[in-house]
PDB file of N, CA and C in Angstrom:
ATOM      1  N   MET A   1     112.853 127.547 171.985  1.00  0.00           N
ATOM      2  CA  MET A   1     112.060 128.719 172.426  1.00  0.00           C
ATOM      3  C   MET A   1     111.219 128.395 173.612  1.00  0.00           C
ATOM      4  N   SER A   2     111.157 129.310 174.477  1.00  0.00           N
ATOM      5  CA  SER A   2     110.238 129.167 175.677  1.00  0.00           C
ATOM      6  C   SER A   2     108.838 129.552 175.299  1.00  0.00           C
ATOM      7  N   GLY A   3     107.866 129.138 176.062  1.00  0.00           N
ATOM      8  CA  GLY A   3     106.410 129.473 175.825  1.00  0.00           C
ATOM      9  C   GLY A   3     106.164 131.029 176.112  1.00  0.00           C
ATOM     10  N   GLY A   4     107.067 131.639 176.924  1.00  0.00           N
ATOM     11  CA  GLY A   4     106.703 133.030 177.178  1.00  0.00           C
ATOM     12  C   GLY A   4     107.163 133.953 176.084  1.00  0.00           C
ATOM     13  N   ASP A   5     107.964 133.448 175.176  1.00  0.00           N
ATOM     14  CA  ASP A   5     108.433 134.506 174.000  1.00  0.00           C
ATOM     15  C   ASP A   5     107.293 134.800 173.085  1.00  0.00           C
ATOM     16  N   SER A   6     106.915 136.014 172.940  1.00  0.00           N
ATOM     17  CA  SER A   6     105.874 136.320 172.077  1.00  0.00           C
ATOM     18  C   SER A   6     106.382 136.590 170.556  1.00  0.00           C
ATOM     19  N   GLU A   7     107.649 136.742 170.397  1.00  0.00           N
ATOM     20  CA  GLU A   7     108.228 137.100 169.093  1.00  0.00           C
ATOM     21  C   GLU A   7     108.697 135.614 168.434  1.00  0.00           C
ATOM     22  N   THR A   8     108.262 135.461 167.199  1.00  0.00           N
ATOM     23  CA  THR A   8     108.814 134.301 166.486  1.00  0.00           C
ATOM     24  C   THR A   8     110.156 134.637 165.900  1.00  0.00           C
ATOM     25  N   ASP A   9     110.792 133.743 165.201  1.00  0.00           N
ATOM     26  CA  ASP A   9     112.111 133.932 164.654  1.00  0.00           C
ATOM     27  C   ASP A   9     111.922 134.973 163.475  1.00  0.00           C
ATOM     28  N   ALA A  10     110.809 134.793 162.815  1.00  0.00           N
ATOM     29  CA  ALA A  10     110.634 135.685 161.571  1.00  0.00           C
ATOM     30  C   ALA A  10     110.302 137.047 162.110  1.00  0.00           C
ATOM     31  N   GLU A  11     109.635 137.226 163.142  1.00  0.00           N
ATOM     32  CA  GLU A  11     109.339 138.671 163.575  1.00  0.00           C
ATOM     33  C   GLU A  11     110.672 139.306 164.199  1.00  0.00           C
ATOM     34  N   LEU A  12     111.513 138.504 164.855  1.00  0.00           N
ATOM     35  CA  LEU A  12     112.775 138.917 165.430  1.00  0.00           C
ATOM     36  C   LEU A  12     113.754 139.380 164.298  1.00  0.00           C
ATOM     37  N   GLU A  13     113.735 138.566 163.212  1.00  0.00           N
ATOM     38  CA  GLU A  13     114.600 138.852 162.055  1.00  0.00           C
ATOM     39  C   GLU A  13     114.128 140.180 161.361  1.00  0.00           C
ATOM     40  N   GLN A  14     112.668 140.320 161.221  1.00  0.00           N
ATOM     41  CA  GLN A  14     112.220 141.516 160.626  1.00  0.00           C
ATOM     42  C   GLN A  14     112.493 142.816 161.462  1.00  0.00           C
ATOM     43  N   ASN A  15     112.481 142.730 162.765  1.00  0.00           N
ATOM     44  CA  ASN A  15     112.728 143.840 163.634  1.00  0.00           C
ATOM     45  C   ASN A  15     114.275 144.217 163.520  1.00  0.00           C
ATOM     46  N   ILE A  16     115.070 143.228 163.316  1.00  0.00           N
ATOM     47  CA  ILE A  16     116.594 143.564 163.140  1.00  0.00           C
ATOM     48  C   ILE A  16     116.834 144.210 161.828  1.00  0.00           C
ATOM     49  N   LEU A  17     116.042 143.708 160.838  1.00  0.00           N
ATOM     50  CA  LEU A  17     116.290 144.467 159.537  1.00  0.00           C
ATOM     51  C   LEU A  17     115.696 145.767 159.492  1.00  0.00           C
ATOM     52  N   ASN A  18     114.538 145.988 160.180  1.00  0.00           N
ATOM     53  CA  ASN A  18     114.001 147.369 160.305  1.00  0.00           C
ATOM     54  C   ASN A  18     114.870 148.315 161.007  1.00  0.00           C
ATOM     55  N   ARG A  19     115.571 147.791 162.051  1.00  0.00           N
ATOM     56  CA  ARG A  19     116.495 148.699 162.828  1.00  0.00           C
ATOM     57  C   ARG A  19     117.578 149.098 161.937  1.00  0.00           C
ATOM     58  N   ASP A  20     118.163 148.198 161.071  1.00  0.00           N
ATOM     59  CA  ASP A  20     119.287 148.517 160.216  1.00  0.00           C
ATOM     60  C   ASP A  20     118.795 149.506 159.122  1.00  0.00           C
ATOM     61  N   ALA A  21     117.655 149.540 158.662  1.00  0.00           N
ATOM     62  CA  ALA A  21     117.146 150.380 157.541  1.00  0.00           C
ATOM     63  C   ALA A  21     116.628 151.705 157.953  1.00  0.00           C
ATOM     64  N   THR A  22     116.999 152.132 159.254  1.00  0.00           N
ATOM     65  CA  THR A  22     116.478 153.430 159.600  1.00  0.00           C
ATOM     66  C   THR A  22     117.394 154.518 158.870  1.00  0.00           C
ATOM     67  N   ILE A  23     116.819 155.784 158.615  1.00  0.00           N
ATOM     68  CA  ILE A  23     117.356 156.777 158.020  1.00  0.00           C
ATOM     69  C   ILE A  23     117.934 157.719 159.042  1.00  0.00           C
ATOM     70  N   ASP A  24     119.231 158.164 158.926  1.00  0.00           N
ATOM     71  CA  ASP A  24     119.891 159.029 159.706  1.00  0.00           C
ATOM     72  C   ASP A  24     119.649 160.455 159.242  1.00  0.00           C
ATOM     73  N   LEU A  25     118.790 161.202 159.846  1.00  0.00           N
ATOM     74  CA  LEU A  25     118.462 162.553 159.547  1.00  0.00           C
ATOM     75  C   LEU A  25     119.528 163.631 159.684  1.00  0.00           C
ATOM     76  N   GLN A  26     120.665 163.180 160.372  1.00  0.00           N
ATOM     77  CA  GLN A  26     121.752 164.086 160.691  1.00  0.00           C
ATOM     78  C   GLN A  26     122.738 164.152 159.502  1.00  0.00           C
ATOM     79  N   LEU A  27     122.573 163.258 158.509  1.00  0.00           N
ATOM     80  CA  LEU A  27     123.346 163.308 157.385  1.00  0.00           C
ATOM     81  C   LEU A  27     123.211 164.646 156.580  1.00  0.00           C
ATOM     82  N   PRO A  28     124.346 165.219 155.867  1.00  0.00           N
ATOM     83  CA  PRO A  28     124.061 166.309 155.075  1.00  0.00           C
ATOM     84  C   PRO A  28     123.107 166.153 153.852  1.00  0.00           C
ATOM     85  N   ARG A  29     122.146 167.065 153.867  1.00  0.00           N
ATOM     86  CA  ARG A  29     121.222 167.082 152.785  1.00  0.00           C
ATOM     87  C   ARG A  29     121.463 168.113 151.820  1.00  0.00           C
ATOM     88  N   ARG A  30     120.619 168.417 150.903  1.00  0.00           N
ATOM     89  CA  ARG A  30     120.636 169.569 149.909  1.00  0.00           C
ATOM     90  C   ARG A  30     120.324 170.640 150.643  1.00  0.00           C
ATOM     91  N   SER A  31     121.249 171.450 151.344  1.00  0.00           N
ATOM     92  CA  SER A  31     120.829 172.698 152.156  1.00  0.00           C
ATOM     93  C   SER A  31     121.439 173.997 151.721  1.00  0.00           C
ATOM     94  N   LEU A  32     122.293 173.896 150.478  1.00  0.00           N
ATOM     95  CA  LEU A  32     122.954 175.050 149.981  1.00  0.00           C
ATOM     96  C   LEU A  32     122.285 175.572 148.724  1.00  0.00           C
ATOM     97  N   LEU A  33     121.747 176.807 148.676  1.00  0.00           N
ATOM     98  CA  LEU A  33     121.084 177.276 147.610  1.00  0.00           C
ATOM     99  C   LEU A  33     122.227 177.870 146.661  1.00  0.00           C
ATOM    100  N   VAL A  34     122.345 177.448 145.409  1.00  0.00           N
ATOM    101  CA  VAL A  34     123.356 177.865 144.372  1.00  0.00           C
ATOM    102  C   VAL A  34     122.571 178.514 143.268  1.00  0.00           C
ATOM    103  N   LYS A  35     122.918 179.672 142.989  1.00  0.00           N
ATOM    104  CA  LYS A  35     122.537 180.351 141.737  1.00  0.00           C
ATOM    105  C   LYS A  35     123.515 180.598 140.763  1.00  0.00           C
ATOM    106  N   PHE A  36     123.196 180.292 139.456  1.00  0.00           N
ATOM    107  CA  PHE A  36     124.238 180.584 138.510  1.00  0.00           C
ATOM    108  C   PHE A  36     123.511 180.993 137.153  1.00  0.00           C
ATOM    109  N   THR A  37     124.341 181.713 136.293  1.00  0.00           N
ATOM    110  CA  THR A  37     123.780 182.042 134.952  1.00  0.00           C
ATOM    111  C   THR A  37     124.445 181.186 133.881  1.00  0.00           C
ATOM    112  N   CYS A  38     123.777 180.620 133.049  1.00  0.00           N
ATOM    113  CA  CYS A  38     124.292 179.772 132.052  1.00  0.00           C
ATOM    114  C   CYS A  38     125.019 180.606 131.138  1.00  0.00           C
ATOM    115  N   ASP A  39     126.237 180.236 130.580  1.00  0.00           N
ATOM    116  CA  ASP A  39     126.910 180.976 129.548  1.00  0.00           C
ATOM    117  C   ASP A  39     126.342 180.744 128.126  1.00  0.00           C
ATOM    118  N   LEU A  40     125.509 179.691 127.966  1.00  0.00           N
ATOM    119  CA  LEU A  40     125.117 179.492 126.639  1.00  0.00           C
ATOM    120  C   LEU A  40     123.852 180.068 126.345  1.00  0.00           C
ATOM    121  N   CYS A  41     122.825 180.088 127.404  1.00  0.00           N
ATOM    122  CA  CYS A  41     121.528 180.709 126.977  1.00  0.00           C
ATOM    123  C   CYS A  41     121.135 181.804 128.057  1.00  0.00           C
ATOM    124  N   ASN A  42     122.119 182.243 128.907  1.00  0.00           N
ATOM    125  CA  ASN A  42     121.944 183.338 129.815  1.00  0.00           C
ATOM    126  C   ASN A  42     120.831 183.163 130.709  1.00  0.00           C
ATOM    127  N   GLU A  43     120.221 181.932 131.057  1.00  0.00           N
ATOM    128  CA  GLU A  43     119.199 181.686 131.987  1.00  0.00           C
ATOM    129  C   GLU A  43     119.745 181.742 133.273  1.00  0.00           C
ATOM    130  N   ARG A  44     119.058 182.319 134.279  1.00  0.00           N
ATOM    131  CA  ARG A  44     119.434 182.301 135.683  1.00  0.00           C
ATOM    132  C   ARG A  44     118.786 181.040 136.262  1.00  0.00           C
ATOM    133  N   THR A  45     119.572 180.166 137.094  1.00  0.00           N
ATOM    134  CA  THR A  45     118.966 178.919 137.574  1.00  0.00           C
ATOM    135  C   THR A  45     119.448 178.801 139.011  1.00  0.00           C
ATOM    136  N   SER A  46     118.471 178.382 139.855  1.00  0.00           N
ATOM    137  CA  SER A  46     118.728 178.127 141.223  1.00  0.00           C
ATOM    138  C   SER A  46     118.605 176.759 141.587  1.00  0.00           C
ATOM    139  N   LYS A  47     119.547 176.143 142.285  1.00  0.00           N
ATOM    140  CA  LYS A  47     119.487 174.712 142.768  1.00  0.00           C
ATOM    141  C   LYS A  47     119.977 174.628 144.157  1.00  0.00           C
ATOM    142  N   LEU A  48     119.330 173.581 144.875  1.00  0.00           N
ATOM    143  CA  LEU A  48     119.717 173.196 146.063  1.00  0.00           C
ATOM    144  C   LEU A  48     120.840 172.126 145.936  1.00  0.00           C
ATOM    145  N   VAL A  49     121.917 172.225 146.574  1.00  0.00           N
ATOM    146  CA  VAL A  49     122.982 171.157 146.498  1.00  0.00           C
ATOM    147  C   VAL A  49     123.543 170.781 147.831  1.00  0.00           C
ATOM    148  N   ASN A  50     124.124 169.702 147.985  1.00  0.00           N
ATOM    149  CA  ASN A  50     124.664 169.193 149.240  1.00  0.00           C
ATOM    150  C   ASN A  50     125.931 170.021 149.561  1.00  0.00           C
ATOM    151  N   ARG A  51     125.946 170.607 150.769  1.00  0.00           N
ATOM    152  CA  ARG A  51     127.050 171.601 151.180  1.00  0.00           C
ATOM    153  C   ARG A  51     128.412 170.801 151.116  1.00  0.00           C
ATOM    154  N   LEU A  52     128.471 169.604 151.593  1.00  0.00           N
ATOM    155  CA  LEU A  52     129.718 168.803 151.665  1.00  0.00           C
ATOM    156  C   LEU A  52     130.176 168.523 150.319  1.00  0.00           C
ATOM    157  N   ALA A  53     129.319 168.274 149.306  1.00  0.00           N
ATOM    158  CA  ALA A  53     129.798 168.100 147.973  1.00  0.00           C
ATOM    159  C   ALA A  53     130.303 169.397 147.270  1.00  0.00           C
ATOM    160  N   TYR A  54     129.657 170.473 147.711  1.00  0.00           N
ATOM    161  CA  TYR A  54     130.098 171.764 147.174  1.00  0.00           C
ATOM    162  C   TYR A  54     131.503 171.969 147.682  1.00  0.00           C
ATOM    163  N   GLU A  55     131.688 171.822 148.971  1.00  0.00           N
ATOM    164  CA  GLU A  55     133.012 172.262 149.535  1.00  0.00           C
ATOM    165  C   GLU A  55     134.018 171.212 149.235  1.00  0.00           C
ATOM    166  N   LYS A  56     133.800 170.008 149.115  1.00  0.00           N
ATOM    167  CA  LYS A  56     134.777 169.000 148.900  1.00  0.00           C
ATOM    168  C   LYS A  56     134.726 168.058 147.718  1.00  0.00           C
ATOM    169  N   GLY A  57     133.675 168.234 146.957  1.00  0.00           N
ATOM    170  CA  GLY A  57     133.339 167.227 145.913  1.00  0.00           C
ATOM    171  C   GLY A  57     133.280 167.866 144.502  1.00  0.00           C
ATOM    172  N   LEU A  58     132.429 167.136 143.844  1.00  0.00           N
ATOM    173  CA  LEU A  58     132.098 167.298 142.379  1.00  0.00           C
ATOM    174  C   LEU A  58     130.722 167.616 142.124  1.00  0.00           C
ATOM    175  N   ILE A  59     130.261 168.680 141.550  1.00  0.00           N
ATOM    176  CA  ILE A  59     128.849 168.936 141.312  1.00  0.00           C
ATOM    177  C   ILE A  59     128.610 169.453 139.890  1.00  0.00           C
ATOM    178  N   TYR A  60     127.713 168.632 139.236  1.00  0.00           N
ATOM    179  CA  TYR A  60     127.185 169.086 137.941  1.00  0.00           C
ATOM    180  C   TYR A  60     125.793 169.490 138.150  1.00  0.00           C
ATOM    181  N   VAL A  61     125.317 170.589 137.512  1.00  0.00           N
ATOM    182  CA  VAL A  61     123.967 171.021 137.592  1.00  0.00           C
ATOM    183  C   VAL A  61     123.280 171.152 136.262  1.00  0.00           C
ATOM    184  N   GLN A  62     121.959 170.970 136.124  1.00  0.00           N
ATOM    185  CA  GLN A  62     121.330 171.097 134.889  1.00  0.00           C
ATOM    186  C   GLN A  62     120.769 172.451 134.787  1.00  0.00           C
ATOM    187  N   CYS A  63     121.125 173.163 133.648  1.00  0.00           N
ATOM    188  CA  CYS A  63     120.578 174.489 133.443  1.00  0.00           C
ATOM    189  C   CYS A  63     118.955 174.286 133.162  1.00  0.00           C
ATOM    190  N   ALA A  64     118.216 175.313 133.646  1.00  0.00           N
ATOM    191  CA  ALA A  64     116.773 175.305 133.513  1.00  0.00           C
ATOM    192  C   ALA A  64     116.346 175.832 132.032  1.00  0.00           C
ATOM    193  N   GLY A  65     117.320 176.596 131.434  1.00  0.00           N
ATOM    194  CA  GLY A  65     116.989 176.990 130.074  1.00  0.00           C
ATOM    195  C   GLY A  65     117.348 176.102 128.933  1.00  0.00           C
ATOM    196  N   CYS A  66     118.620 175.663 128.843  1.00  0.00           N
ATOM    197  CA  CYS A  66     118.970 174.827 127.684  1.00  0.00           C
ATOM    198  C   CYS A  66     118.956 173.328 128.078  1.00  0.00           C
ATOM    199  N   LEU A  67     118.777 172.980 129.333  1.00  0.00           N
ATOM    200  CA  LEU A  67     118.837 171.581 129.842  1.00  0.00           C
ATOM    201  C   LEU A  67     120.020 170.798 129.672  1.00  0.00           C
ATOM    202  N   LYS A  68     121.113 171.539 129.628  1.00  0.00           N
ATOM    203  CA  LYS A  68     122.445 170.998 129.507  1.00  0.00           C
ATOM    204  C   LYS A  68     123.016 171.007 130.935  1.00  0.00           C
ATOM    205  N   TYR A  69     124.001 170.045 131.115  1.00  0.00           N
ATOM    206  CA  TYR A  69     124.747 169.878 132.443  1.00  0.00           C
ATOM    207  C   TYR A  69     126.014 170.681 132.368  1.00  0.00           C
ATOM    208  N   HIS A  70     126.230 171.504 133.424  1.00  0.00           N
ATOM    209  CA  HIS A  70     127.455 172.369 133.546  1.00  0.00           C
ATOM    210  C   HIS A  70     128.166 171.886 134.797  1.00  0.00           C
ATOM    211  N   LYS A  71     129.531 171.814 134.702  1.00  0.00           N
ATOM    212  CA  LYS A  71     130.110 171.626 135.809  1.00  0.00           C
ATOM    213  C   LYS A  71     130.234 172.901 136.729  1.00  0.00           C
ATOM    214  N   LEU A  72     129.829 172.626 137.983  1.00  0.00           N
ATOM    215  CA  LEU A  72     129.651 173.831 138.951  1.00  0.00           C
ATOM    216  C   LEU A  72     131.043 173.894 139.669  1.00  0.00           C
ATOM    217  N   VAL A  73     131.347 172.757 140.313  1.00  0.00           N
ATOM    218  CA  VAL A  73     132.455 172.588 141.350  1.00  0.00           C
ATOM    219  C   VAL A  73     133.213 171.225 141.066  1.00  0.00           C
ATOM    220  N   ASP A  74     134.575 171.312 141.061  1.00  0.00           N
ATOM    221  CA  ASP A  74     135.385 170.199 140.929  1.00  0.00           C
ATOM    222  C   ASP A  74     136.547 170.189 141.834  1.00  0.00           C
ATOM    223  N   ASN A  75     136.354 170.030 143.172  1.00  0.00           N
ATOM    224  CA  ASN A  75     137.385 170.082 144.238  1.00  0.00           C
ATOM    225  C   ASN A  75     138.260 168.917 144.189  1.00  0.00           C
ATOM    226  N   LEU A  76     137.823 167.816 143.525  1.00  0.00           N
ATOM    227  CA  LEU A  76     138.485 166.465 143.493  1.00  0.00           C
ATOM    228  C   LEU A  76     139.541 166.448 142.298  1.00  0.00           C
ATOM    229  N   GLY A  77     139.328 167.320 141.334  1.00  0.00           N
ATOM    230  CA  GLY A  77     140.001 167.286 140.109  1.00  0.00           C
ATOM    231  C   GLY A  77     139.889 166.156 139.190  1.00  0.00           C
ATOM    232  N   LEU A  78     138.690 165.551 139.276  1.00  0.00           N
ATOM    233  CA  LEU A  78     138.420 164.389 138.393  1.00  0.00           C
ATOM    234  C   LEU A  78     138.074 164.661 137.006  1.00  0.00           C
ATOM    235  N   VAL A  79     137.631 165.905 136.629  1.00  0.00           N
ATOM    236  CA  VAL A  79     137.257 166.203 135.284  1.00  0.00           C
ATOM    237  C   VAL A  79     138.425 167.116 134.672  1.00  0.00           C
ATOM    238  N   VAL A  80     139.077 166.732 133.646  1.00  0.00           N
ATOM    239  CA  VAL A  80     140.110 167.501 133.048  1.00  0.00           C
ATOM    240  C   VAL A  80     139.592 168.166 131.762  1.00  0.00           C
ATOM    241  N   GLU A  81     139.672 169.462 131.561  1.00  0.00           N
ATOM    242  CA  GLU A  81     139.180 170.016 130.473  1.00  0.00           C
ATOM    243  C   GLU A  81     140.313 170.509 129.518  1.00  0.00           C
ATOM    244  N   TYR A  82     140.352 170.270 128.333  1.00  0.00           N
ATOM    245  CA  TYR A  82     141.289 170.696 127.404  1.00  0.00           C
ATOM    246  C   TYR A  82     140.755 171.789 126.366  1.00  0.00           C
ATOM    247  N   ASP A  83     141.454 172.916 126.140  1.00  0.00           N
ATOM    248  CA  ASP A  83     141.026 173.717 125.252  1.00  0.00           C
ATOM    249  C   ASP A  83     141.771 173.525 123.904  1.00  0.00           C
ATOM    250  N   LEU A  84     141.123 172.872 123.062  1.00  0.00           N
ATOM    251  CA  LEU A  84     141.777 172.396 121.769  1.00  0.00           C
ATOM    252  C   LEU A  84     141.640 173.433 120.702  1.00  0.00           C
ATOM    253  N   ARG A  85     140.959 174.598 121.061  1.00  0.00           N
ATOM    254  CA  ARG A  85     140.921 175.621 119.961  1.00  0.00           C
ATOM    255  C   ARG A  85     142.264 176.245 119.756  1.00  0.00           C
ATOM    256  N   GLY A  86     143.042 176.488 120.938  1.00  0.00           N
ATOM    257  CA  GLY A  86     144.361 176.969 120.689  1.00  0.00           C
ATOM    258  C   GLY A  86     145.321 176.197 119.869  1.00  0.00           C
ATOM    259  N   ASP A  87     145.181 174.842 120.057  1.00  0.00           N
ATOM    260  CA  ASP A  87     146.027 173.932 119.101  1.00  0.00           C
ATOM    261  C   ASP A  87     145.651 173.988 117.738  1.00  0.00           C
ATOM    262  N   MET A  88     144.253 174.098 117.355  1.00  0.00           N
ATOM    263  CA  MET A  88     143.843 174.147 115.964  1.00  0.00           C
ATOM    264  C   MET A  88     144.371 175.431 115.322  1.00  0.00           C
ATOM    265  N   ASP A  89     144.383 176.513 116.131  1.00  0.00           N
ATOM    266  CA  ASP A  89     144.756 177.917 115.571  1.00  0.00           C
ATOM    267  C   ASP A  89     146.300 177.729 115.240  1.00  0.00           C
ATOM    268  N   SER A  90     147.086 177.138 116.049  1.00  0.00           N
ATOM    269  CA  SER A  90     148.422 177.062 115.675  1.00  0.00           C
ATOM    270  C   SER A  90     148.822 176.165 114.537  1.00  0.00           C
ATOM    271  N   ASP A  91     148.013 175.101 114.479  1.00  0.00           N
ATOM    272  CA  ASP A  91     148.112 174.203 113.385  1.00  0.00           C
ATOM    273  C   ASP A  91     147.734 174.850 111.966  1.00  0.00           C
ATOM    274  N   SER A  92     146.702 175.583 112.023  1.00  0.00           N
ATOM    275  CA  SER A  92     146.242 176.287 110.802  1.00  0.00           C
ATOM    276  C   SER A  92     147.271 177.342 110.341  1.00  0.00           C
ATOM    277  N   ASN A  93     147.993 177.933 111.428  1.00  0.00           N
ATOM    278  CA  ASN A  93     148.997 178.996 110.941  1.00  0.00           C
ATOM    279  C   ASN A  93     150.186 178.230 110.368  1.00  0.00           C
ATOM    280  N   ALA A  94     150.581 177.082 110.755  1.00  0.00           N
ATOM    281  CA  ALA A  94     151.674 176.312 110.212  1.00  0.00           C
ATOM    282  C   ALA A  94     151.467 176.049 108.689  1.00  0.00           C
ATOM    283  N   ASP A  95     150.107 175.778 108.393  1.00  0.00           N
ATOM    284  CA  ASP A  95     149.872 175.483 107.031  1.00  0.00           C
ATOM    285  C   ASP A  95     149.999 176.668 106.144  1.00  0.00           C
ATOM    286  N   GLU A  96     149.820 177.901 106.593  1.00  0.00           N
ATOM    287  CA  GLU A  96     149.847 178.988 105.782  1.00  0.00           C
ATOM    288  C   GLU A  96     151.250 179.490 105.444  1.00  0.00           C
ATOM    289  N   ILE A  97     152.318 178.988 106.062  1.00  0.00           N
ATOM    290  CA  ILE A  97     153.693 179.503 105.946  1.00  0.00           C
ATOM    291  C   ILE A  97     154.217 178.983 104.617  1.00  0.00           C
TER     292      ILE A  97
END
């Protein structure tokens, strides 16, 4: 190192780390207001969600009334729901014959 350098190796490394840790404010944030009514408790809830997740992803939101999580959007098809009530009804009818 020459005598004219005012930064030491530690300061230079810290500046590089700080530059990598900057926050990009252009990233999508929670900018879409979603309002829904819970089927269980009939509570009306408003939440801010990420627009990109709403349009292309998966969103679960927590109800303000019953505090349960409800699937709002599943554009990826990650969560599969089965209605087993129909299967149970047909099985109970078979026993009655």
